[in-house]
Amino acid sequence: MAPLVLLSSVQNRDAVLPMRARVRDRITARLRAHRLDSELAAGTAPGERAALAIRAQALGQWRTRISLADGIGRLLDEASAPCSFHIAHVPLHRRAVLFAADQLEELASRLLAPGPLAARGIAQVRLLLTDGRSPIYYAGASETLLAASSRALTDLQPTFD
């Protein structure tokens, strides 16, 4: 990956200065990926901290988008397959996954579509797939899978304020 250049605003906010991402920020972005994803998913702007910007860049990379879309495909395949027992596998909330299948397929197709996507939406998709407390796995989640996937779809759309 090419060295990331972050833009730092000057005190008067009339100018923006480039600065290289520090090694410490890159390490932080890698080690605290889940926490940073949670912050991005909640709407924290990637430019607030260097580690957030680095994490947002990693989420937006093509290989990450492909990996998330593949994860959604595997999830849908598993939910529609007959029940089987897996060792060291978090069981799916199959009913919720099947109920939200159309939204999940739309998420996968948006992830694979060319063009920019917002880090907020990509982080939401990643958390849906990887967090054991997400409505994909946990029936008692605070939000239904249909609502969470709809929100992620909406939040994938980048805004250029």
N, C-alpha and C. Protein backbone atom coordinates (compact mmCIF):
# COMPACT_ATOMS: atom_id res chain seq x y z
N MET A 1 0.85 -1.17 0.00
CA MET A 1 0.00 0.00 0.00
C MET A 1 0.90 1.24 0.00
N ALA A 2 0.54 2.21 -0.77
CA ALA A 2 1.28 3.46 -0.84
C ALA A 2 1.14 4.20 0.47
N PRO A 3 2.15 5.01 0.82
CA PRO A 3 2.06 5.77 2.06
C PRO A 3 0.86 6.72 2.00
N LEU A 4 0.10 6.71 3.05
CA LEU A 4 -1.08 7.56 3.12
C LEU A 4 -0.66 8.97 3.48
N VAL A 5 -1.23 9.93 2.78
CA VAL A 5 -0.99 11.33 3.10
C VAL A 5 -2.28 11.87 3.69
N LEU A 6 -2.22 12.31 4.91
CA LEU A 6 -3.38 12.88 5.59
C LEU A 6 -3.37 14.38 5.42
N LEU A 7 -4.53 14.95 5.45
CA LEU A 7 -4.64 16.40 5.35
C LEU A 7 -4.98 16.95 6.72
N SER A 8 -4.18 17.86 7.18
CA SER A 8 -4.38 18.45 8.50
C SER A 8 -4.75 19.92 8.34
N SER A 9 -5.86 20.31 8.94
CA SER A 9 -6.27 21.70 8.80
C SER A 9 -5.45 22.58 9.73
N VAL A 10 -5.17 23.75 9.25
CA VAL A 10 -4.42 24.73 10.02
C VAL A 10 -5.39 25.39 11.01
N GLN A 11 -4.88 26.03 12.02
CA GLN A 11 -5.71 26.61 13.07
C GLN A 11 -6.84 27.48 12.52
N ASN A 12 -6.57 28.28 11.53
CA ASN A 12 -7.62 29.17 11.03
C ASN A 12 -8.58 28.47 10.06
N ARG A 13 -8.31 27.19 9.75
CA ARG A 13 -9.15 26.35 8.89
C ARG A 13 -9.32 26.89 7.47
N ASP A 14 -8.52 27.87 7.08
CA ASP A 14 -8.57 28.36 5.72
C ASP A 14 -7.65 27.57 4.80
N ALA A 15 -6.76 26.81 5.37
CA ALA A 15 -5.80 26.05 4.57
C ALA A 15 -5.69 24.63 5.11
N VAL A 16 -5.28 23.75 4.24
CA VAL A 16 -5.08 22.36 4.61
C VAL A 16 -3.66 22.00 4.22
N LEU A 17 -2.96 21.36 5.14
CA LEU A 17 -1.57 20.98 4.90
C LEU A 17 -1.45 19.47 4.83
N PRO A 18 -0.68 18.94 3.88
CA PRO A 18 -0.47 17.49 3.83
C PRO A 18 0.53 17.05 4.89
N MET A 19 0.34 15.86 5.41
CA MET A 19 1.30 15.26 6.33
C MET A 19 1.25 13.76 6.15
N ARG A 20 2.39 13.10 6.31
CA ARG A 20 2.46 11.65 6.17
C ARG A 20 1.87 10.98 7.41
N ALA A 21 1.23 9.85 7.18
CA ALA A 21 0.72 9.06 8.29
C ALA A 21 1.90 8.46 9.04
N ARG A 22 1.85 8.55 10.35
CA ARG A 22 2.93 8.01 11.17
C ARG A 22 2.77 6.50 11.32
N VAL A 23 3.88 5.84 11.58
CA VAL A 23 3.86 4.39 11.79
C VAL A 23 2.96 4.05 12.96
N ARG A 24 3.01 4.85 14.00
CA ARG A 24 2.17 4.63 15.18
C ARG A 24 0.68 4.63 14.81
N ASP A 25 0.29 5.54 13.95
CA ASP A 25 -1.11 5.61 13.53
C ASP A 25 -1.51 4.38 12.72
N ARG A 26 -0.60 3.90 11.88
CA ARG A 26 -0.88 2.69 11.09
C ARG A 26 -1.03 1.47 11.99
N ILE A 27 -0.18 1.37 12.99
CA ILE A 27 -0.27 0.25 13.93
C ILE A 27 -1.56 0.34 14.72
N THR A 28 -1.90 1.52 15.17
CA THR A 28 -3.16 1.72 15.91
C THR A 28 -4.35 1.33 15.05
N ALA A 29 -4.34 1.72 13.79
CA ALA A 29 -5.45 1.39 12.89
C ALA A 29 -5.60 -0.11 12.73
N ARG A 30 -4.50 -0.82 12.72
CA ARG A 30 -4.57 -2.27 12.55
C ARG A 30 -4.99 -2.97 13.84
N LEU A 31 -4.41 -2.56 14.96
CA LEU A 31 -4.69 -3.24 16.22
C LEU A 31 -6.07 -2.92 16.79
N ARG A 32 -6.57 -1.75 16.49
CA ARG A 32 -7.87 -1.33 17.03
C ARG A 32 -8.94 -1.25 15.94
N ALA A 33 -8.85 -2.13 14.98
CA ALA A 33 -9.75 -2.09 13.83
C ALA A 33 -11.21 -2.18 14.25
N HIS A 34 -11.54 -3.07 15.17
CA HIS A 34 -12.94 -3.24 15.57
C HIS A 34 -13.48 -1.96 16.22
N ARG A 35 -12.70 -1.39 17.11
CA ARG A 35 -13.14 -0.15 17.77
C ARG A 35 -13.27 1.00 16.77
N LEU A 36 -12.32 1.10 15.87
CA LEU A 36 -12.38 2.15 14.85
C LEU A 36 -13.56 1.93 13.91
N ASP A 37 -13.83 0.67 13.56
CA ASP A 37 -15.00 0.37 12.75
C ASP A 37 -16.27 0.81 13.46
N SER A 38 -16.34 0.58 14.76
CA SER A 38 -17.51 1.00 15.55
C SER A 38 -17.68 2.51 15.51
N GLU A 39 -16.58 3.22 15.62
CA GLU A 39 -16.64 4.68 15.56
C GLU A 39 -17.08 5.17 14.18
N LEU A 40 -16.50 4.58 13.14
CA LEU A 40 -16.88 4.96 11.78
C LEU A 40 -18.35 4.63 11.52
N ALA A 41 -18.80 3.46 11.96
CA ALA A 41 -20.19 3.04 11.76
C ALA A 41 -21.16 3.97 12.48
N ALA A 42 -20.72 4.54 13.59
CA ALA A 42 -21.58 5.45 14.34
C ALA A 42 -21.59 6.85 13.75
N GLY A 43 -20.72 7.11 12.77
CA GLY A 43 -20.77 8.40 12.10
C GLY A 43 -19.60 9.32 12.38
N THR A 44 -18.59 8.86 13.11
CA THR A 44 -17.41 9.69 13.34
C THR A 44 -16.71 9.91 12.00
N ALA A 45 -16.38 11.13 11.72
CA ALA A 45 -15.72 11.47 10.45
C ALA A 45 -14.32 10.86 10.40
N PRO A 46 -13.96 10.23 9.29
CA PRO A 46 -12.63 9.63 9.17
C PRO A 46 -11.49 10.62 9.37
N GLY A 47 -11.72 11.88 9.07
CA GLY A 47 -10.66 12.87 9.19
C GLY A 47 -10.41 13.35 10.61
N GLU A 48 -11.17 12.87 11.58
CA GLU A 48 -10.97 13.35 12.95
C GLU A 48 -9.65 12.92 13.56
N ARG A 49 -9.21 11.71 13.22
CA ARG A 49 -7.94 11.20 13.73
C ARG A 49 -7.25 10.43 12.63
N ALA A 50 -5.95 10.40 12.68
CA ALA A 50 -5.18 9.71 11.64
C ALA A 50 -5.54 8.23 11.59
N ALA A 51 -5.68 7.58 12.73
CA ALA A 51 -6.00 6.15 12.74
C ALA A 51 -7.35 5.89 12.07
N LEU A 52 -8.31 6.78 12.28
CA LEU A 52 -9.62 6.63 11.63
C LEU A 52 -9.50 6.78 10.11
N ALA A 53 -8.70 7.72 9.67
CA ALA A 53 -8.51 7.92 8.24
C ALA A 53 -7.84 6.70 7.60
N ILE A 54 -6.87 6.15 8.29
CA ILE A 54 -6.17 4.97 7.78
C ILE A 54 -7.12 3.78 7.73
N ARG A 55 -7.94 3.62 8.77
CA ARG A 55 -8.90 2.52 8.80
C ARG A 55 -9.95 2.69 7.70
N ALA A 56 -10.43 3.91 7.51
CA ALA A 56 -11.42 4.17 6.46
C ALA A 56 -10.84 3.83 5.09
N GLN A 57 -9.57 4.16 4.89
CA GLN A 57 -8.92 3.83 3.62
C GLN A 57 -8.86 2.32 3.44
N ALA A 58 -8.52 1.60 4.51
CA ALA A 58 -8.44 0.13 4.42
C ALA A 58 -9.81 -0.47 4.11
N LEU A 59 -10.86 0.06 4.71
CA LEU A 59 -12.21 -0.44 4.45
C LEU A 59 -12.63 -0.21 3.00
N GLY A 60 -12.19 0.88 2.43
CA GLY A 60 -12.58 1.22 1.07
C GLY A 60 -11.80 0.52 -0.01
N GLN A 61 -10.77 -0.23 0.36
CA GLN A 61 -9.97 -0.93 -0.64
C GLN A 61 -10.80 -2.02 -1.32
N TRP A 62 -10.48 -2.24 -2.57
CA TRP A 62 -11.25 -3.20 -3.37
C TRP A 62 -11.26 -4.58 -2.74
N ARG A 63 -10.11 -5.05 -2.23
CA ARG A 63 -10.06 -6.41 -1.66
C ARG A 63 -10.93 -6.53 -0.42
N THR A 64 -11.06 -5.46 0.36
CA THR A 64 -11.93 -5.48 1.53
C THR A 64 -13.39 -5.55 1.09
N ARG A 65 -13.73 -4.78 0.09
CA ARG A 65 -15.11 -4.79 -0.41
C ARG A 65 -15.47 -6.16 -0.97
N ILE A 66 -14.56 -6.79 -1.69
CA ILE A 66 -14.80 -8.14 -2.23
C ILE A 66 -14.96 -9.14 -1.09
N SER A 67 -14.10 -9.03 -0.11
CA SER A 67 -14.16 -9.95 1.04
C SER A 67 -15.50 -9.83 1.78
N LEU A 68 -15.97 -8.61 1.98
CA LEU A 68 -17.26 -8.42 2.66
C LEU A 68 -18.41 -8.95 1.81
N ALA A 69 -18.38 -8.70 0.51
CA ALA A 69 -19.43 -9.22 -0.37
C ALA A 69 -19.42 -10.75 -0.37
N ASP A 70 -18.24 -11.34 -0.39
CA ASP A 70 -18.14 -12.81 -0.32
C ASP A 70 -18.68 -13.33 1.01
N GLY A 71 -18.40 -12.61 2.08
CA GLY A 71 -18.92 -12.99 3.39
C GLY A 71 -20.44 -12.98 3.41
N ILE A 72 -21.04 -12.00 2.77
CA ILE A 72 -22.50 -11.94 2.69
C ILE A 72 -23.02 -13.13 1.88
N GLY A 73 -22.34 -13.46 0.79
CA GLY A 73 -22.75 -14.61 -0.03
C GLY A 73 -22.68 -15.91 0.75
N ARG A 74 -21.60 -16.11 1.50
CA ARG A 74 -21.47 -17.32 2.32
C ARG A 74 -22.54 -17.37 3.40
N LEU A 75 -22.84 -16.21 3.98
CA LEU A 75 -23.87 -16.12 5.01
C LEU A 75 -25.23 -16.54 4.44
N LEU A 76 -25.57 -16.04 3.28
CA LEU A 76 -26.85 -16.38 2.65
C LEU A 76 -26.90 -17.86 2.26
N ASP A 77 -25.78 -18.39 1.78
CA ASP A 77 -25.72 -19.82 1.44
C ASP A 77 -25.93 -20.67 2.69
N GLU A 78 -25.27 -20.31 3.76
CA GLU A 78 -25.38 -21.09 4.99
C GLU A 78 -26.78 -21.00 5.58
N ALA A 79 -27.38 -19.83 5.51
CA ALA A 79 -28.72 -19.66 6.08
C ALA A 79 -29.77 -20.47 5.31
N SER A 80 -29.56 -20.63 4.00
CA SER A 80 -30.55 -21.36 3.21
C SER A 80 -30.25 -22.86 3.13
N ALA A 81 -29.08 -23.29 3.57
CA ALA A 81 -28.73 -24.71 3.57
C ALA A 81 -29.39 -25.41 4.76
N PRO A 82 -29.54 -26.72 4.66
CA PRO A 82 -30.07 -27.46 5.81
C PRO A 82 -29.16 -27.28 7.02
N CYS A 83 -29.73 -27.35 8.19
CA CYS A 83 -28.95 -27.19 9.42
C CYS A 83 -27.84 -28.22 9.49
N SER A 84 -26.69 -27.77 9.89
CA SER A 84 -25.57 -28.67 10.12
C SER A 84 -24.81 -28.15 11.33
N PHE A 85 -24.04 -29.01 11.92
CA PHE A 85 -23.30 -28.64 13.11
C PHE A 85 -21.86 -28.36 12.73
N HIS A 86 -21.37 -27.23 13.20
CA HIS A 86 -19.99 -26.84 12.94
C HIS A 86 -19.29 -26.65 14.27
N ILE A 87 -18.06 -27.06 14.32
CA ILE A 87 -17.27 -26.85 15.53
C ILE A 87 -16.72 -25.43 15.50
N ALA A 88 -16.77 -24.76 16.62
CA ALA A 88 -16.24 -23.40 16.76
C ALA A 88 -16.87 -22.45 15.75
N HIS A 89 -18.14 -22.51 15.63
CA HIS A 89 -18.86 -21.67 14.68
C HIS A 89 -20.02 -21.00 15.41
N VAL A 90 -20.15 -19.71 15.25
CA VAL A 90 -21.26 -18.99 15.86
C VAL A 90 -22.51 -19.28 15.05
N PRO A 91 -23.56 -19.80 15.68
CA PRO A 91 -24.76 -20.12 14.91
C PRO A 91 -25.46 -18.86 14.40
N LEU A 92 -26.07 -19.00 13.24
CA LEU A 92 -26.78 -17.89 12.62
C LEU A 92 -28.19 -17.77 13.18
N HIS A 93 -28.70 -16.57 13.15
CA HIS A 93 -30.12 -16.34 13.38
C HIS A 93 -30.76 -16.46 12.00
N ARG A 94 -30.96 -17.72 11.58
CA ARG A 94 -31.36 -18.03 10.21
C ARG A 94 -32.61 -17.29 9.75
N ARG A 95 -33.59 -17.24 10.59
CA ARG A 95 -34.86 -16.59 10.21
C ARG A 95 -34.62 -15.13 9.84
N ALA A 96 -33.82 -14.44 10.65
CA ALA A 96 -33.53 -13.03 10.36
C ALA A 96 -32.74 -12.88 9.07
N VAL A 97 -31.77 -13.77 8.85
CA VAL A 97 -30.96 -13.70 7.63
C VAL A 97 -31.83 -13.93 6.40
N LEU A 98 -32.68 -14.93 6.45
CA LEU A 98 -33.55 -15.22 5.30
C LEU A 98 -34.56 -14.10 5.08
N PHE A 99 -35.05 -13.50 6.16
CA PHE A 99 -36.00 -12.40 6.04
C PHE A 99 -35.36 -11.17 5.39
N ALA A 100 -34.07 -10.95 5.66
CA ALA A 100 -33.36 -9.79 5.12
C ALA A 100 -32.52 -10.14 3.90
N ALA A 101 -32.76 -11.28 3.28
CA ALA A 101 -31.92 -11.75 2.18
C ALA A 101 -31.84 -10.74 1.03
N ASP A 102 -32.94 -10.13 0.67
CA ASP A 102 -32.91 -9.16 -0.43
C ASP A 102 -32.01 -7.97 -0.11
N GLN A 103 -32.11 -7.47 1.11
CA GLN A 103 -31.27 -6.33 1.52
C GLN A 103 -29.80 -6.74 1.54
N LEU A 104 -29.54 -7.95 2.04
CA LEU A 104 -28.15 -8.42 2.11
C LEU A 104 -27.57 -8.61 0.70
N GLU A 105 -28.37 -9.14 -0.21
CA GLU A 105 -27.90 -9.28 -1.60
C GLU A 105 -27.62 -7.91 -2.22
N GLU A 106 -28.46 -6.95 -1.92
CA GLU A 106 -28.23 -5.58 -2.41
C GLU A 106 -26.95 -4.99 -1.83
N LEU A 107 -26.69 -5.26 -0.54
CA LEU A 107 -25.44 -4.80 0.08
C LEU A 107 -24.24 -5.40 -0.66
N ALA A 108 -24.28 -6.70 -0.91
CA ALA A 108 -23.17 -7.36 -1.59
C ALA A 108 -22.96 -6.76 -2.98
N SER A 109 -24.04 -6.53 -3.69
CA SER A 109 -23.89 -5.98 -5.03
C SER A 109 -23.39 -4.55 -5.01
N ARG A 110 -23.79 -3.76 -4.04
CA ARG A 110 -23.27 -2.38 -3.91
C ARG A 110 -21.78 -2.39 -3.56
N LEU A 111 -21.37 -3.33 -2.73
CA LEU A 111 -19.95 -3.43 -2.38
C LEU A 111 -19.10 -3.76 -3.61
N LEU A 112 -19.66 -4.52 -4.53
CA LEU A 112 -18.91 -4.93 -5.72
C LEU A 112 -19.03 -3.94 -6.88
N ALA A 113 -19.92 -2.97 -6.75
CA ALA A 113 -20.10 -1.98 -7.81
C ALA A 113 -18.93 -1.01 -7.82
N PRO A 114 -18.53 -0.55 -8.99
CA PRO A 114 -17.43 0.42 -9.05
C PRO A 114 -17.87 1.76 -8.45
N GLY A 115 -16.90 2.52 -8.04
CA GLY A 115 -17.18 3.84 -7.50
C GLY A 115 -16.95 3.90 -6.00
N PRO A 116 -16.95 5.11 -5.48
CA PRO A 116 -16.68 5.29 -4.05
C PRO A 116 -17.87 4.88 -3.19
N LEU A 117 -17.56 4.41 -2.00
CA LEU A 117 -18.56 4.10 -0.98
C LEU A 117 -18.12 4.78 0.30
N ALA A 118 -19.08 5.11 1.14
CA ALA A 118 -18.77 5.77 2.40
C ALA A 118 -18.23 4.76 3.41
N ALA A 119 -17.18 5.16 4.12
CA ALA A 119 -16.58 4.29 5.14
C ALA A 119 -17.60 3.92 6.21
N ARG A 120 -18.52 4.81 6.50
CA ARG A 120 -19.54 4.54 7.53
C ARG A 120 -20.34 3.28 7.18
N GLY A 121 -20.81 3.19 5.94
CA GLY A 121 -21.59 2.03 5.52
C GLY A 121 -20.77 0.76 5.45
N ILE A 122 -19.54 0.87 4.96
CA ILE A 122 -18.68 -0.31 4.88
C ILE A 122 -18.38 -0.83 6.28
N ALA A 123 -18.12 0.07 7.22
CA ALA A 123 -17.87 -0.34 8.60
C ALA A 123 -19.10 -1.02 9.20
N GLN A 124 -20.28 -0.54 8.88
CA GLN A 124 -21.50 -1.17 9.38
C GLN A 124 -21.64 -2.59 8.85
N VAL A 125 -21.34 -2.78 7.57
CA VAL A 125 -21.40 -4.12 6.99
C VAL A 125 -20.39 -5.04 7.67
N ARG A 126 -19.19 -4.54 7.86
CA ARG A 126 -18.15 -5.37 8.51
C ARG A 126 -18.57 -5.76 9.91
N LEU A 127 -19.13 -4.83 10.66
CA LEU A 127 -19.58 -5.15 12.02
C LEU A 127 -20.74 -6.13 12.01
N LEU A 128 -21.63 -5.99 11.05
CA LEU A 128 -22.73 -6.97 10.94
C LEU A 128 -22.18 -8.38 10.78
N LEU A 129 -21.15 -8.52 9.95
CA LEU A 129 -20.61 -9.84 9.65
C LEU A 129 -19.70 -10.40 10.74
N THR A 130 -19.03 -9.54 11.48
CA THR A 130 -17.99 -10.02 12.40
C THR A 130 -18.33 -9.93 13.88
N ASP A 131 -19.32 -9.16 14.23
CA ASP A 131 -19.65 -8.97 15.64
C ASP A 131 -20.69 -10.01 16.06
N GLY A 132 -20.38 -10.80 17.05
CA GLY A 132 -21.30 -11.83 17.54
C GLY A 132 -22.57 -11.27 18.14
N ARG A 133 -22.61 -9.98 18.42
CA ARG A 133 -23.82 -9.35 18.95
C ARG A 133 -24.68 -8.74 17.86
N SER A 134 -24.28 -8.94 16.60
CA SER A 134 -25.07 -8.37 15.51
C SER A 134 -26.33 -9.21 15.32
N PRO A 135 -27.35 -8.64 14.68
CA PRO A 135 -28.60 -9.39 14.48
C PRO A 135 -28.46 -10.59 13.55
N ILE A 136 -27.32 -10.75 12.91
CA ILE A 136 -27.08 -11.96 12.11
C ILE A 136 -26.95 -13.17 13.02
N TYR A 137 -26.39 -12.96 14.20
CA TYR A 137 -26.11 -14.07 15.10
C TYR A 137 -26.95 -14.05 16.38
N TYR A 138 -27.38 -12.87 16.79
CA TYR A 138 -28.00 -12.72 18.10
C TYR A 138 -29.44 -12.26 17.94
N ALA A 139 -30.37 -13.11 18.34
CA ALA A 139 -31.80 -12.80 18.20
C ALA A 139 -32.22 -11.63 19.09
N GLY A 140 -31.50 -11.39 20.17
CA GLY A 140 -31.85 -10.30 21.08
C GLY A 140 -31.14 -8.99 20.78
N ALA A 141 -30.62 -8.84 19.57
CA ALA A 141 -29.92 -7.60 19.21
C ALA A 141 -30.88 -6.41 19.30
N SER A 142 -30.30 -5.25 19.52
CA SER A 142 -31.11 -4.04 19.71
C SER A 142 -31.81 -3.59 18.43
N GLU A 143 -31.40 -4.12 17.30
CA GLU A 143 -31.95 -3.72 16.01
C GLU A 143 -32.16 -4.97 15.16
N THR A 144 -33.20 -5.00 14.36
CA THR A 144 -33.41 -6.15 13.48
C THR A 144 -32.39 -6.13 12.37
N LEU A 145 -32.15 -7.29 11.77
CA LEU A 145 -31.21 -7.38 10.67
C LEU A 145 -31.72 -6.59 9.46
N LEU A 146 -33.02 -6.62 9.25
CA LEU A 146 -33.58 -5.86 8.13
C LEU A 146 -33.31 -4.37 8.31
N ALA A 147 -33.51 -3.85 9.52
CA ALA A 147 -33.26 -2.43 9.79
C ALA A 147 -31.77 -2.11 9.67
N ALA A 148 -30.92 -2.97 10.23
CA ALA A 148 -29.48 -2.73 10.19
C ALA A 148 -28.94 -2.77 8.77
N SER A 149 -29.42 -3.72 7.97
CA SER A 149 -28.93 -3.80 6.59
C SER A 149 -29.47 -2.64 5.74
N SER A 150 -30.68 -2.20 6.02
CA SER A 150 -31.23 -1.03 5.32
C SER A 150 -30.43 0.23 5.65
N ARG A 151 -30.08 0.38 6.92
CA ARG A 151 -29.28 1.53 7.34
C ARG A 151 -27.91 1.49 6.68
N ALA A 152 -27.30 0.31 6.63
CA ALA A 152 -25.98 0.17 6.01
C ALA A 152 -26.06 0.51 4.51
N LEU A 153 -27.12 0.08 3.87
CA LEU A 153 -27.30 0.41 2.45
C LEU A 153 -27.37 1.91 2.23
N THR A 154 -28.13 2.57 3.07
CA THR A 154 -28.27 4.04 2.98
C THR A 154 -26.92 4.70 3.26
N ASP A 155 -26.21 4.20 4.27
CA ASP A 155 -24.96 4.84 4.69
C ASP A 155 -23.78 4.50 3.77
N LEU A 156 -23.96 3.56 2.85
CA LEU A 156 -22.90 3.31 1.86
C LEU A 156 -22.78 4.46 0.87
N GLN A 157 -23.86 5.19 0.69
CA GLN A 157 -23.86 6.29 -0.27
C GLN A 157 -22.98 7.43 0.25
N PRO A 158 -21.90 7.76 -0.45
CA PRO A 158 -21.04 8.84 0.04
C PRO A 158 -21.71 10.20 -0.12
N THR A 159 -21.42 11.06 0.82
CA THR A 159 -21.89 12.45 0.72
C THR A 159 -20.64 13.32 0.56
N PHE A 160 -20.73 14.24 -0.30
CA PHE A 160 -19.60 15.12 -0.59
C PHE A 160 -19.94 16.52 -0.12
N ASP A 161 -19.93 16.70 1.21
CA ASP A 161 -20.28 18.00 1.78
C ASP A 161 -19.17 19.01 1.55
